Amino acid sequence: QVQLVESGGGLVQPGGSLRLSCAVSGSIVSIIGMGWYRQAPGKQRETVALITSGGGTTYADSVKGRFTISRDSAKNTVSLQMASLKPEDTAVYYCNVRSGDRLFPDHYWGQGTQVTVSS
């Protein structure tokens, strides 16, 4: 059974940093990519950062230059280093893995970890 477990969330002051990690257990065949999404209260879930199996990265405009996604294929983990955090970054952050068909991939999700940016 596939499990994605996030860690590293918490409360941080504006301008601070946090590092989120996601450990993937179980067997996932043909991983296409991994990523982080977030959902703030009253808003839709949005893409934060994606990394492909080849190492290519994509970021939401709102986090470019502040967040960095990385992947350790050997350990089957994906991380999100967040810097210069703003109150608008407050959300539940979800880890995601895409596998299988590139047009119609299977999605696996973690349970989410809360990030709160507040003074």
N, C-alpha and C. Protein backbone atom coordinates (compact mmCIF):
# COMPACT_ATOMS: atom_id res chain seq x y z
N GLN A 1 0.84 -1.19 0.00
CA GLN A 1 0.00 0.00 0.00
C GLN A 1 0.88 1.24 0.00
N VAL A 2 0.56 2.17 -0.86
CA VAL A 2 1.35 3.39 -1.00
C VAL A 2 0.94 4.39 0.08
N GLN A 3 1.95 4.98 0.71
CA GLN A 3 1.71 6.03 1.70
C GLN A 3 2.66 7.18 1.46
N LEU A 4 2.12 8.39 1.57
CA LEU A 4 2.93 9.60 1.51
C LEU A 4 2.76 10.30 2.85
N VAL A 5 3.87 10.55 3.52
CA VAL A 5 3.81 11.15 4.85
C VAL A 5 4.62 12.43 4.86
N GLU A 6 3.92 13.56 5.07
CA GLU A 6 4.59 14.85 5.11
C GLU A 6 5.04 15.18 6.53
N SER A 7 6.06 16.00 6.61
CA SER A 7 6.52 16.50 7.90
C SER A 7 7.17 17.86 7.69
N GLY A 8 7.33 18.60 8.78
CA GLY A 8 8.06 19.86 8.72
C GLY A 8 7.21 21.11 8.78
N GLY A 9 5.91 20.96 8.80
CA GLY A 9 5.06 22.14 8.89
C GLY A 9 5.11 22.75 10.28
N GLY A 10 4.50 23.93 10.40
CA GLY A 10 4.47 24.58 11.70
C GLY A 10 4.18 26.05 11.59
N LEU A 11 4.44 26.76 12.68
CA LEU A 11 4.23 28.20 12.76
C LEU A 11 5.56 28.91 12.59
N VAL A 12 5.58 29.90 11.71
CA VAL A 12 6.82 30.65 11.47
C VAL A 12 6.45 32.12 11.27
N GLN A 13 7.36 32.99 11.63
CA GLN A 13 7.13 34.42 11.46
C GLN A 13 7.37 34.83 10.02
N PRO A 14 6.73 35.89 9.57
CA PRO A 14 7.00 36.39 8.22
C PRO A 14 8.50 36.61 8.01
N GLY A 15 8.97 36.21 6.84
CA GLY A 15 10.39 36.29 6.54
C GLY A 15 11.19 35.07 6.94
N GLY A 16 10.55 34.18 7.66
CA GLY A 16 11.23 32.97 8.12
C GLY A 16 11.27 31.88 7.08
N SER A 17 11.82 30.73 7.49
CA SER A 17 11.99 29.59 6.59
C SER A 17 11.44 28.32 7.23
N LEU A 18 11.03 27.41 6.36
CA LEU A 18 10.61 26.08 6.77
C LEU A 18 11.01 25.10 5.68
N ARG A 19 11.22 23.86 6.09
CA ARG A 19 11.50 22.81 5.12
C ARG A 19 10.48 21.69 5.30
N LEU A 20 9.74 21.41 4.24
CA LEU A 20 8.78 20.31 4.25
C LEU A 20 9.42 19.10 3.60
N SER A 21 9.11 17.94 4.16
CA SER A 21 9.60 16.69 3.57
C SER A 21 8.44 15.72 3.41
N CYS A 22 8.56 14.87 2.42
CA CYS A 22 7.53 13.87 2.15
C CYS A 22 8.22 12.54 1.88
N ALA A 23 7.90 11.56 2.68
CA ALA A 23 8.46 10.22 2.51
C ALA A 23 7.42 9.33 1.86
N VAL A 24 7.83 8.67 0.78
CA VAL A 24 6.93 7.79 0.03
C VAL A 24 7.28 6.35 0.34
N SER A 25 6.31 5.60 0.80
CA SER A 25 6.52 4.19 1.06
C SER A 25 5.55 3.37 0.21
N GLY A 26 5.92 2.12 -0.02
CA GLY A 26 5.13 1.29 -0.91
C GLY A 26 5.66 1.36 -2.32
N SER A 27 5.12 0.58 -3.18
CA SER A 27 5.62 0.48 -4.55
C SER A 27 4.78 1.32 -5.50
N ILE A 28 5.42 2.25 -6.18
CA ILE A 28 4.77 3.04 -7.22
C ILE A 28 5.55 2.81 -8.51
N VAL A 29 4.85 2.30 -9.51
CA VAL A 29 5.50 2.00 -10.78
C VAL A 29 5.47 3.23 -11.68
N SER A 30 6.58 3.47 -12.35
CA SER A 30 6.65 4.53 -13.36
C SER A 30 6.26 5.90 -12.82
N ILE A 31 7.03 6.38 -11.86
CA ILE A 31 6.78 7.72 -11.34
C ILE A 31 7.12 8.74 -12.42
N ILE A 32 6.16 9.61 -12.70
CA ILE A 32 6.35 10.68 -13.69
C ILE A 32 6.95 11.90 -13.02
N GLY A 33 6.43 12.20 -11.83
CA GLY A 33 6.89 13.38 -11.13
C GLY A 33 6.32 13.43 -9.73
N MET A 34 6.84 14.39 -8.96
CA MET A 34 6.39 14.60 -7.59
C MET A 34 6.18 16.09 -7.41
N GLY A 35 5.43 16.44 -6.39
CA GLY A 35 5.19 17.86 -6.22
C GLY A 35 4.53 18.21 -4.91
N TRP A 36 4.36 19.51 -4.75
CA TRP A 36 3.71 20.06 -3.58
C TRP A 36 2.56 20.97 -4.02
N TYR A 37 1.45 20.82 -3.34
CA TYR A 37 0.27 21.64 -3.56
C TYR A 37 -0.10 22.26 -2.22
N ARG A 38 -0.94 23.27 -2.26
CA ARG A 38 -1.41 23.86 -1.01
C ARG A 38 -2.85 24.31 -1.14
N GLN A 39 -3.51 24.36 0.00
CA GLN A 39 -4.89 24.82 0.02
C GLN A 39 -5.10 25.69 1.24
N ALA A 40 -5.42 26.93 0.99
CA ALA A 40 -5.72 27.87 2.05
C ALA A 40 -7.22 27.84 2.34
N PRO A 41 -7.64 28.26 3.54
CA PRO A 41 -9.07 28.24 3.88
C PRO A 41 -9.90 29.02 2.87
N GLY A 42 -10.95 28.39 2.39
CA GLY A 42 -11.85 29.05 1.45
C GLY A 42 -11.34 29.14 0.03
N LYS A 43 -10.20 28.52 -0.24
CA LYS A 43 -9.62 28.58 -1.59
C LYS A 43 -9.42 27.18 -2.15
N GLN A 44 -9.27 27.14 -3.47
CA GLN A 44 -9.01 25.86 -4.12
C GLN A 44 -7.56 25.44 -3.93
N ARG A 45 -7.34 24.13 -4.03
CA ARG A 45 -5.97 23.63 -3.96
C ARG A 45 -5.21 24.14 -5.17
N GLU A 46 -3.97 24.57 -4.96
CA GLU A 46 -3.16 25.10 -6.05
C GLU A 46 -1.79 24.43 -6.07
N THR A 47 -1.22 24.40 -7.26
CA THR A 47 0.12 23.85 -7.43
C THR A 47 1.15 24.82 -6.88
N VAL A 48 2.08 24.31 -6.10
CA VAL A 48 3.16 25.13 -5.57
C VAL A 48 4.45 24.87 -6.36
N ALA A 49 4.84 23.61 -6.45
CA ALA A 49 6.07 23.27 -7.14
C ALA A 49 6.00 21.81 -7.59
N LEU A 50 6.58 21.56 -8.76
CA LEU A 50 6.61 20.22 -9.33
C LEU A 50 8.04 19.87 -9.74
N ILE A 51 8.36 18.60 -9.66
CA ILE A 51 9.65 18.12 -10.15
C ILE A 51 9.40 16.83 -10.91
N THR A 52 9.94 16.75 -12.13
CA THR A 52 9.73 15.58 -12.95
C THR A 52 10.74 14.49 -12.61
N SER A 53 10.52 13.31 -13.18
CA SER A 53 11.46 12.22 -12.96
C SER A 53 12.84 12.57 -13.51
N GLY A 54 12.88 13.48 -14.47
CA GLY A 54 14.14 13.90 -15.04
C GLY A 54 14.80 15.05 -14.31
N GLY A 55 14.12 15.57 -13.30
CA GLY A 55 14.70 16.64 -12.50
C GLY A 55 14.25 18.04 -12.86
N GLY A 56 13.41 18.17 -13.89
CA GLY A 56 12.91 19.47 -14.25
C GLY A 56 11.94 19.99 -13.21
N THR A 57 11.99 21.30 -12.96
CA THR A 57 11.16 21.89 -11.92
C THR A 57 10.25 22.98 -12.47
N THR A 58 9.12 23.15 -11.83
CA THR A 58 8.16 24.19 -12.16
C THR A 58 7.65 24.78 -10.86
N TYR A 59 7.49 26.09 -10.84
CA TYR A 59 7.02 26.76 -9.64
C TYR A 59 5.86 27.70 -9.95
N ALA A 60 4.98 27.84 -8.98
CA ALA A 60 3.96 28.87 -9.09
C ALA A 60 4.65 30.23 -9.06
N ASP A 61 4.09 31.18 -9.79
CA ASP A 61 4.71 32.51 -9.84
C ASP A 61 4.85 33.10 -8.44
N SER A 62 3.91 32.81 -7.58
CA SER A 62 3.89 33.41 -6.24
C SER A 62 5.03 32.92 -5.35
N VAL A 63 5.68 31.82 -5.72
CA VAL A 63 6.75 31.28 -4.87
C VAL A 63 8.10 31.26 -5.56
N LYS A 64 8.16 31.64 -6.81
CA LYS A 64 9.43 31.63 -7.55
C LYS A 64 10.47 32.48 -6.83
N GLY A 65 11.66 31.93 -6.72
CA GLY A 65 12.74 32.64 -6.06
C GLY A 65 12.74 32.50 -4.55
N ARG A 66 11.67 31.94 -4.00
CA ARG A 66 11.59 31.77 -2.53
C ARG A 66 11.56 30.30 -2.13
N PHE A 67 10.94 29.47 -2.96
CA PHE A 67 10.79 28.04 -2.65
C PHE A 67 11.66 27.22 -3.58
N THR A 68 12.15 26.10 -3.08
CA THR A 68 12.96 25.18 -3.88
C THR A 68 12.50 23.76 -3.63
N ILE A 69 12.15 23.06 -4.69
CA ILE A 69 11.74 21.66 -4.58
C ILE A 69 12.92 20.79 -4.95
N SER A 70 13.05 19.67 -4.24
CA SER A 70 14.12 18.72 -4.54
C SER A 70 13.61 17.32 -4.29
N ARG A 71 14.33 16.38 -4.90
CA ARG A 71 13.91 14.99 -4.80
C ARG A 71 15.13 14.11 -4.56
N ASP A 72 14.98 13.13 -3.68
CA ASP A 72 16.00 12.11 -3.46
C ASP A 72 15.40 10.79 -3.93
N SER A 73 15.78 10.38 -5.13
CA SER A 73 15.19 9.17 -5.71
C SER A 73 15.58 7.92 -4.92
N ALA A 74 16.77 7.91 -4.40
CA ALA A 74 17.24 6.73 -3.65
C ALA A 74 16.42 6.53 -2.38
N LYS A 75 16.07 7.66 -1.73
CA LYS A 75 15.31 7.57 -0.49
C LYS A 75 13.81 7.70 -0.72
N ASN A 76 13.43 7.98 -1.97
CA ASN A 76 12.02 8.16 -2.31
C ASN A 76 11.38 9.26 -1.48
N THR A 77 12.05 10.40 -1.46
CA THR A 77 11.53 11.56 -0.73
C THR A 77 11.50 12.77 -1.65
N VAL A 78 10.63 13.70 -1.32
CA VAL A 78 10.59 14.98 -2.01
C VAL A 78 10.48 16.06 -0.93
N SER A 79 11.22 17.13 -1.12
CA SER A 79 11.27 18.18 -0.11
C SER A 79 10.93 19.53 -0.72
N LEU A 80 10.51 20.44 0.13
CA LEU A 80 10.22 21.80 -0.29
C LEU A 80 10.87 22.74 0.71
N GLN A 81 11.91 23.43 0.27
CA GLN A 81 12.56 24.43 1.10
C GLN A 81 11.88 25.76 0.85
N MET A 82 11.34 26.34 1.91
CA MET A 82 10.58 27.59 1.79
C MET A 82 11.30 28.70 2.54
N ALA A 83 11.55 29.79 1.88
CA ALA A 83 12.23 30.92 2.49
C ALA A 83 11.41 32.19 2.25
N SER A 84 11.76 33.21 3.00
CA SER A 84 11.06 34.51 2.90
C SER A 84 9.55 34.32 2.92
N LEU A 85 9.10 33.56 3.88
CA LEU A 85 7.68 33.22 3.95
C LEU A 85 6.83 34.44 4.24
N LYS A 86 5.64 34.42 3.64
CA LYS A 86 4.69 35.52 3.77
C LYS A 86 3.39 34.98 4.39
N PRO A 87 2.61 35.85 4.99
CA PRO A 87 1.33 35.39 5.55
C PRO A 87 0.45 34.69 4.51
N GLU A 88 0.54 35.11 3.27
CA GLU A 88 -0.28 34.48 2.22
C GLU A 88 0.20 33.09 1.85
N ASP A 89 1.32 32.65 2.39
CA ASP A 89 1.77 31.27 2.20
C ASP A 89 1.09 30.32 3.18
N THR A 90 0.33 30.86 4.11
CA THR A 90 -0.37 30.03 5.08
C THR A 90 -1.37 29.13 4.38
N ALA A 91 -1.25 27.83 4.62
CA ALA A 91 -2.11 26.84 3.96
C ALA A 91 -1.75 25.46 4.49
N VAL A 92 -2.58 24.49 4.11
CA VAL A 92 -2.20 23.10 4.29
C VAL A 92 -1.45 22.68 3.03
N TYR A 93 -0.27 22.14 3.20
CA TYR A 93 0.57 21.72 2.09
C TYR A 93 0.49 20.21 1.92
N TYR A 94 0.28 19.80 0.68
CA TYR A 94 0.11 18.39 0.36
C TYR A 94 1.21 17.92 -0.59
N CYS A 95 1.73 16.75 -0.29
CA CYS A 95 2.69 16.09 -1.16
C CYS A 95 1.92 15.27 -2.20
N ASN A 96 2.46 15.20 -3.40
CA ASN A 96 1.79 14.47 -4.49
C ASN A 96 2.80 13.69 -5.31
N VAL A 97 2.38 12.51 -5.75
CA VAL A 97 3.18 11.72 -6.69
C VAL A 97 2.28 11.37 -7.88
N ARG A 98 2.82 11.55 -9.08
CA ARG A 98 2.11 11.18 -10.31
C ARG A 98 2.85 10.00 -10.93
N SER A 99 2.05 9.02 -11.38
CA SER A 99 2.68 7.85 -11.98
C SER A 99 1.84 7.32 -13.12
N GLY A 100 2.47 6.47 -13.93
CA GLY A 100 1.75 5.81 -15.01
C GLY A 100 1.68 6.63 -16.27
N ASP A 101 0.50 6.74 -16.85
CA ASP A 101 0.31 7.42 -18.13
C ASP A 101 0.47 8.94 -17.96
N ARG A 102 1.26 9.54 -18.84
CA ARG A 102 1.52 10.98 -18.71
C ARG A 102 0.28 11.82 -18.97
N LEU A 103 -0.61 11.32 -19.82
CA LEU A 103 -1.83 12.08 -20.10
C LEU A 103 -2.88 11.87 -19.01
N PHE A 104 -2.92 10.66 -18.49
CA PHE A 104 -3.91 10.33 -17.45
C PHE A 104 -3.22 9.63 -16.30
N PRO A 105 -2.41 10.38 -15.55
CA PRO A 105 -1.63 9.75 -14.49
C PRO A 105 -2.46 9.36 -13.28
N ASP A 106 -1.93 8.41 -12.54
CA ASP A 106 -2.47 8.12 -11.21
C ASP A 106 -1.88 9.14 -10.24
N HIS A 107 -2.68 9.57 -9.28
CA HIS A 107 -2.23 10.53 -8.29
C HIS A 107 -2.26 9.90 -6.90
N TYR A 108 -1.20 10.15 -6.16
CA TYR A 108 -1.13 9.74 -4.77
C TYR A 108 -0.92 11.00 -3.94
N TRP A 109 -1.62 11.07 -2.79
CA TRP A 109 -1.58 12.27 -1.96
C TRP A 109 -1.21 11.95 -0.52
N GLY A 110 -0.51 12.88 0.09
CA GLY A 110 -0.29 12.79 1.52
C GLY A 110 -1.47 13.37 2.27
N GLN A 111 -1.39 13.34 3.59
CA GLN A 111 -2.50 13.80 4.42
C GLN A 111 -2.47 15.30 4.65
N GLY A 112 -1.35 15.92 4.31
CA GLY A 112 -1.23 17.37 4.45
C GLY A 112 -0.53 17.77 5.73
N THR A 113 0.16 18.90 5.65
CA THR A 113 0.81 19.46 6.83
C THR A 113 0.55 20.97 6.86
N GLN A 114 0.20 21.49 8.01
CA GLN A 114 -0.18 22.89 8.14
C GLN A 114 1.05 23.78 8.22
N VAL A 115 1.04 24.82 7.42
CA VAL A 115 2.05 25.87 7.50
C VAL A 115 1.33 27.18 7.81
N THR A 116 1.72 27.81 8.88
CA THR A 116 1.12 29.07 9.29
C THR A 116 2.21 30.12 9.40
N VAL A 117 2.04 31.20 8.66
CA VAL A 117 3.00 32.30 8.69
C VAL A 117 2.32 33.49 9.36
N SER A 118 2.79 33.81 10.54
CA SER A 118 2.14 34.85 11.33
C SER A 118 3.09 35.39 12.38
N SER A 119 2.94 36.68 12.65
CA SER A 119 3.74 37.28 13.72
C SER A 119 2.98 37.23 15.05
